[in-house]
Protein backbone atom coordinates (compact mmCIF):
# COMPACT_ATOMS: atom_id res chain seq x y z
CA MET A 1 -0.18 0.51 0.20
CA GLU A 2 1.21 3.44 -0.63
CA ILE A 3 2.09 5.92 2.25
CA GLN A 4 -0.34 8.41 1.28
CA LEU A 5 -3.06 5.97 1.17
CA TRP A 6 -2.75 5.42 5.13
CA LYS A 7 -4.25 8.44 6.12
CA GLU A 8 -7.15 7.77 3.58
CA LEU A 9 -7.90 4.18 5.01
CA LEU A 10 -7.83 5.28 8.57
CA GLN A 11 -10.27 8.65 8.60
CA PRO A 12 -13.50 6.39 8.77
CA TYR A 13 -12.13 4.95 11.89
CA GLU A 14 -11.52 7.91 12.93
CA GLN A 15 -14.78 9.22 12.46
CA ALA A 16 -16.27 6.01 13.89
CA VAL A 17 -14.40 6.56 17.10
CA THR A 18 -15.49 10.43 17.54
CA GLU A 19 -18.81 9.31 16.91
CA LEU A 20 -19.18 6.49 19.26
CA THR A 21 -17.66 7.91 22.33
CA ALA A 22 -19.75 11.03 22.04
CA LYS A 23 -22.76 8.42 21.76
CA PHE A 24 -21.72 6.43 24.65
CA ASN A 25 -21.06 9.48 26.82
CA CYS A 26 -24.45 11.11 26.00
CA LEU A 27 -25.97 7.53 27.02
CA ARG A 28 -24.09 7.89 30.39
CA ASP A 29 -25.22 11.53 30.88
CA GLU A 30 -29.07 10.53 30.24
CA PHE A 31 -28.68 8.03 33.14
CA ARG A 32 -27.54 10.58 35.41
CA LYS A 33 -29.61 13.50 34.37
CA ASN A 34 -32.69 10.88 35.45
CA ASN A 35 -31.17 10.43 38.57
CA GLN A 36 -30.19 6.68 37.90
CA HIS A 37 -27.00 4.56 38.28
CA SER A 38 -25.09 4.82 34.75
CA PRO A 39 -23.37 1.39 33.97
CA ILE A 40 -21.03 3.35 31.99
CA GLU A 41 -18.36 5.33 34.27
CA THR A 42 -15.85 6.59 31.49
CA VAL A 43 -15.72 6.03 27.73
CA SER A 44 -12.24 6.43 25.41
CA GLY A 45 -11.33 5.59 21.94
CA ARG A 46 -8.49 4.96 20.06
CA VAL A 47 -7.65 3.83 16.27
CA LYS A 48 -4.40 1.45 15.70
CA THR A 49 -1.57 3.32 14.33
CA VAL A 50 0.21 2.68 11.36
CA THR A 51 3.02 0.43 13.26
CA SER A 52 0.65 -1.76 15.44
CA ILE A 53 -1.68 -2.47 12.24
CA LEU A 54 1.45 -3.83 10.26
CA GLU A 55 2.86 -5.80 12.84
CA LYS A 56 -0.45 -7.28 13.19
CA MET A 57 -0.85 -8.21 9.89
CA GLN A 58 2.69 -9.59 9.82
CA LYS A 59 1.96 -11.93 12.68
CA LYS A 60 -1.18 -13.16 11.37
CA GLY A 61 -0.30 -13.28 7.83
CA ILE A 62 -2.63 -11.03 6.37
CA ASP A 63 -2.42 -9.30 2.85
CA PHE A 64 -3.09 -5.74 2.49
CA ASP A 65 -6.28 -6.53 0.19
CA ARG A 66 -7.70 -8.60 3.49
CA LEU A 67 -6.74 -5.82 6.08
CA GLU A 68 -10.16 -4.60 6.65
CA GLU A 69 -11.92 -7.80 6.19
CA GLU A 70 -9.40 -9.76 9.20
CA ILE A 71 -8.58 -7.03 11.36
CA GLU A 72 -11.47 -6.11 13.52
CA ASP A 73 -9.78 -3.65 16.36
CA ILE A 74 -8.74 -1.17 14.08
CA ALA A 75 -11.28 1.08 15.59
CA GLY A 76 -11.52 0.73 19.28
CA ILE A 77 -13.74 1.63 22.00
CA ARG A 78 -13.40 1.11 25.87
CA ILE A 79 -15.87 1.31 28.27
CA ILE A 80 -15.00 1.28 32.12
CA CYS A 81 -17.77 0.13 34.54
CA GLN A 82 -18.11 0.43 37.98
CA PHE A 83 -19.15 -2.70 38.71
CA VAL A 84 -19.27 -6.41 37.12
CA GLU A 85 -22.58 -6.11 36.98
CA ASP A 86 -22.49 -3.08 34.97
CA ILE A 87 -20.92 -4.89 32.20
CA GLU A 88 -23.96 -7.34 31.13
CA LYS A 89 -26.48 -3.99 31.27
CA VAL A 90 -23.69 -2.20 29.00
CA THR A 91 -23.98 -5.13 26.11
CA VAL A 92 -27.60 -5.28 26.44
CA LEU A 93 -27.64 -1.65 25.65
CA ILE A 94 -25.40 -2.09 22.59
CA ARG A 95 -27.29 -5.24 21.27
CA ARG A 96 -30.60 -3.06 21.45
CA ARG A 97 -29.14 -0.31 19.66
CA TYR A 98 -30.21 0.39 15.73
CA ASP A 99 -26.97 2.29 14.88
CA MET A 100 -24.67 -0.96 15.31
CA VAL A 101 -25.00 -4.75 15.02
CA VAL A 102 -23.28 -6.94 17.02
CA ILE A 103 -21.52 -9.92 14.76
CA GLU A 104 -19.01 -11.37 17.29
CA LYS A 105 -18.48 -11.74 21.36
CA LYS A 106 -15.55 -12.54 23.39
CA ASP A 107 -16.11 -13.22 27.02
CA TYR A 108 -13.05 -13.07 28.78
CA LEU A 109 -14.95 -12.83 32.54
CA ALA A 110 -16.63 -16.63 32.07
CA ASN A 111 -13.41 -17.68 30.57
CA HIS A 112 -10.64 -15.28 31.40
CA LYS A 113 -6.69 -15.58 29.48
CA SER A 114 -4.32 -17.90 31.62
CA SER A 115 -2.54 -14.49 32.15
CA GLY A 116 -5.41 -13.21 34.16
CA TYR A 117 -6.78 -10.98 31.47
CA ARG A 118 -10.48 -10.08 32.47
CA SER A 119 -12.61 -8.12 29.97
CA TYR A 120 -15.86 -8.58 27.76
CA HIS A 121 -15.34 -7.58 23.95
CA MET A 122 -17.53 -7.28 21.38
CA ILE A 123 -16.85 -7.06 17.46
CA VAL A 124 -19.58 -4.73 16.13
CA TRP A 125 -20.48 -3.36 12.43
CA TYR A 126 -20.70 0.38 12.50
CA THR A 127 -21.55 2.85 9.51
CA VAL A 128 -20.05 6.39 8.80
CA GLU A 129 -21.24 8.34 6.53
CA THR A 130 -18.22 9.78 4.42
CA ILE A 131 -17.86 11.93 1.64
CA ASN A 132 -18.04 9.35 -0.76
CA GLY A 133 -20.91 7.77 0.68
CA PRO A 134 -21.64 5.28 3.64
CA LYS A 135 -19.17 2.83 4.76
CA GLN A 136 -19.56 -0.14 7.41
CA ILE A 137 -16.85 -0.88 9.12
CA HIS A 138 -15.76 -3.16 12.06
CA VAL A 139 -15.54 -1.48 15.61
CA GLU A 140 -14.25 -3.37 18.74
CA ILE A 141 -16.06 -2.31 22.18
CA GLN A 142 -14.05 -3.61 25.52
CA ILE A 143 -16.35 -3.43 28.32
CA ARG A 144 -14.72 -4.24 31.93
CA THR A 145 -14.26 -2.51 35.33
CA MET A 146 -11.85 0.04 36.66
CA ALA A 147 -9.98 -2.50 38.33
CA MET A 148 -9.72 -4.75 35.62
CA ASN A 149 -8.82 -1.96 33.21
CA PHE A 150 -5.60 -1.23 35.92
CA TRP A 151 -4.50 -4.74 35.33
CA ALA A 152 -4.93 -4.88 31.19
CA THR A 153 -3.08 -1.65 31.35
CA THR A 154 -0.14 -2.76 33.19
CA GLU A 155 0.08 -5.93 31.60
CA HIS A 156 0.12 -4.12 28.33
CA SER A 157 2.78 -1.91 29.23
CA LEU A 158 4.80 -5.20 30.30
CA GLN A 159 4.22 -6.48 27.36
CA TYR A 160 5.51 -3.97 25.21
CA LYS A 161 8.81 -3.47 27.69
CA TYR A 162 9.10 -7.25 27.07
CA LYS A 163 8.24 -7.29 23.67
CA GLY A 164 5.52 -9.78 24.19
CA VAL A 165 7.81 -12.29 25.78
CA LEU A 166 7.19 -12.07 29.84
CA PRO A 167 9.95 -13.29 32.30
CA GLN A 168 8.70 -16.37 34.16
CA HIS A 169 8.53 -14.13 37.51
CA VAL A 170 6.58 -11.11 35.96
CA SER A 171 3.89 -13.33 34.54
CA LYS A 172 3.77 -15.13 37.77
CA GLN A 173 3.07 -11.57 39.87
CA LEU A 174 0.71 -10.79 37.01
CA GLU A 175 -1.28 -13.82 37.89
CA VAL A 176 -1.03 -12.85 41.05
CA ILE A 177 -2.07 -9.31 41.02
CA ALA A 178 -5.32 -10.50 38.75
CA ASP A 179 -6.39 -12.70 41.27
CA SER A 180 -6.38 -9.97 43.70
CA VAL A 181 -8.40 -7.75 41.06
CA TYR A 182 -11.24 -10.19 41.03
CA GLN A 183 -11.36 -10.15 44.63
CA LEU A 184 -11.70 -6.69 44.76
CA ASP A 185 -14.22 -6.78 42.14
CA THR A 186 -16.06 -9.15 44.03
CA GLN A 187 -15.95 -7.25 47.00
CA MET A 188 -17.56 -4.26 45.12
CA SER A 189 -20.49 -6.39 44.25
CA ARG A 190 -21.28 -6.88 47.84
CA VAL A 191 -21.67 -3.08 48.56
CA ARG A 192 -23.23 -2.07 45.44
CA SER A 193 -26.42 -1.23 46.71
CA GLU A 194 -24.96 1.07 49.08
CA ILE A 195 -22.52 2.76 46.88
CA ILE A 196 -25.20 3.07 44.22
CA ASP A 197 -27.68 4.73 46.93
CA ALA A 198 -24.91 7.51 47.71
CA GLU A 199 -24.15 8.19 44.04
CA ASN A 200 -27.97 8.50 43.41
CA HIS A 201 -28.12 10.80 46.69
CA SER A 202 -25.25 13.00 45.23
CA GLU A 203 -26.62 13.24 41.87
CA THR A 204 -30.44 14.07 43.05
CA ARG A 205 -28.82 16.77 45.16
CA THR A 206 -26.93 18.23 42.33
CA ASN A 207 -29.45 18.46 40.06
CA LEU A 208 -31.88 20.06 42.89
CA ILE A 209 -29.53 22.85 43.31
CA ARG A 210 -29.07 23.37 39.64
CA ASP A 211 -32.43 23.70 39.40
CA ILE A 212 -33.12 26.25 42.17
CA VAL A 213 -30.27 28.64 41.05
CA THR A 214 -31.76 28.58 37.45
CA ARG A 215 -35.30 29.50 39.21
CA ILE A 216 -33.64 32.19 41.46
CA GLU A 217 -32.00 33.71 38.66
CA ASN A 218 -35.31 34.07 36.65
CA LEU A 219 -36.76 35.61 39.60
CA TYR A 220 -34.78 38.75 38.76
CA LYS A 221 -36.81 39.41 35.61
CA VAL A 222 -40.35 39.44 38.06
CA THR A 223 -39.22 40.82 41.44
CA SER A 224 -36.55 43.25 43.11
CA HIS A 225 -33.21 42.43 43.49
CA ARG A 226 -33.94 43.18 47.28
CA GLU A 227 -36.40 40.65 47.22
CA VAL A 228 -33.75 37.96 45.47
CA GLU A 229 -31.30 38.75 47.93
CA LYS A 230 -33.68 37.51 50.72
CA ILE A 231 -34.58 34.37 48.66
CA GLN A 232 -30.88 33.73 47.94
CA ASP A 233 -30.11 33.75 51.58
CA GLU A 234 -32.60 31.29 52.44
CA PHE A 235 -30.92 29.11 49.65
CA TYR A 236 -27.48 29.27 51.33
CA ARG A 237 -29.13 28.59 54.80
CA ILE A 238 -30.88 25.39 53.61
CA PHE A 239 -27.69 24.19 51.32
CA LYS A 240 -25.58 24.32 54.59
CA MET A 241 -28.30 21.72 55.85
CA ASN A 242 -27.43 19.12 53.24
CA ASP A 243 -31.18 17.75 53.68
CA ILE A 244 -32.60 16.90 50.22
CA ASP A 245 -36.11 17.15 51.52
CA GLU A 246 -35.55 20.45 52.83
CA LEU A 247 -33.83 21.61 49.26
CA LYS A 248 -37.42 19.69 47.41
CA ARG A 249 -39.36 21.78 49.87
CA PHE A 250 -37.59 25.10 48.78
CA GLN A 251 -38.01 24.33 45.15
CA ARG A 252 -41.19 24.17 45.55
CA HIS A 253 -41.53 27.31 47.24
CA LEU A 254 -39.45 28.94 44.40
CA ASP A 255 -42.81 28.21 42.19
CA VAL A 256 -45.02 29.47 44.59
CA LEU A 257 -43.36 32.61 44.88
CA ALA A 258 -42.49 33.17 41.18
CA GLU A 259 -46.33 32.43 40.35
CA GLY A 260 -46.92 35.42 42.67
CA PHE A 261 -44.31 37.86 41.52
CA ARG A 262 -45.69 37.12 37.74
CA ALA A 263 -49.40 37.68 38.72
CA GLN A 264 -48.50 41.03 40.76
CA SER A 265 -46.44 42.12 37.79
CA VAL A 266 -49.37 41.43 35.61
CA ASP A 267 -51.77 43.60 37.99
CA TYR A 268 -49.33 46.15 38.15
CA THR A 269 -49.31 46.56 34.34
CA THR A 270 -52.59 46.18 33.20
CA PRO A 271 -54.64 49.14 32.79
CA ASP A 272 -57.90 49.83 34.64
CA SER A 273 -60.57 49.13 32.10
CA GLY A 274 -63.15 50.64 34.45
CA ASN A 275 -61.48 54.38 34.11
CA GLY A 276 -62.94 55.38 30.95
CA VAL A 277 -59.66 55.26 28.83
């Protein structure tokens, strides 16, 4: 392949990574805005470098004319979850989507690699719209917990350092660490409900405060600065209490106040229909 053609080849994959990263981030944000636990914690993506592609082609004996068919991870998305249970929820979300089609899965949770590697991989078809029309490409989606990702990142760095041939003592240490990672995820699952409750409480409080601040800002349009300053002082007092029920009560109170101020404003500006004018 001519060198200048690599950029043209990889551009649709870069587009796919950008689009899918944004879509999964939007999905995560939707859960949070609805005060629900998001099974997606973070999302990242990458396109394989030319060096990495060439090395994989050489290792697997892949010809250039079969490159896009046989290398399924040129575009890669990595989804990090808090809990092992979240991984299955993410896979369900992906299978339900109309904009990608799952064609292969690799479950390294139920059948982890001998090295200790744990993760869940899905290969999907994804279509990007290019200036030359639609193009369907492979994308690999890796789904794992934060603990699994820590191990995998460390193992990848060591594989690079030792050029894929790890010394036996390093491999043994990685196996021990992999067991520790598994135990950590197991323990996290045991307190999952309490952690989610704490997260939901925090998210609800954040959304309430954001809404209250917006409503107070809107009051400047219907009443005096002095009145708004009094309301602000009351808000800061309630904020310090760290009580969601009090915040909800204050939010409802703001609705009543705003309606009253708007009514006063209308009464003040409406001409007296009985004055003969």
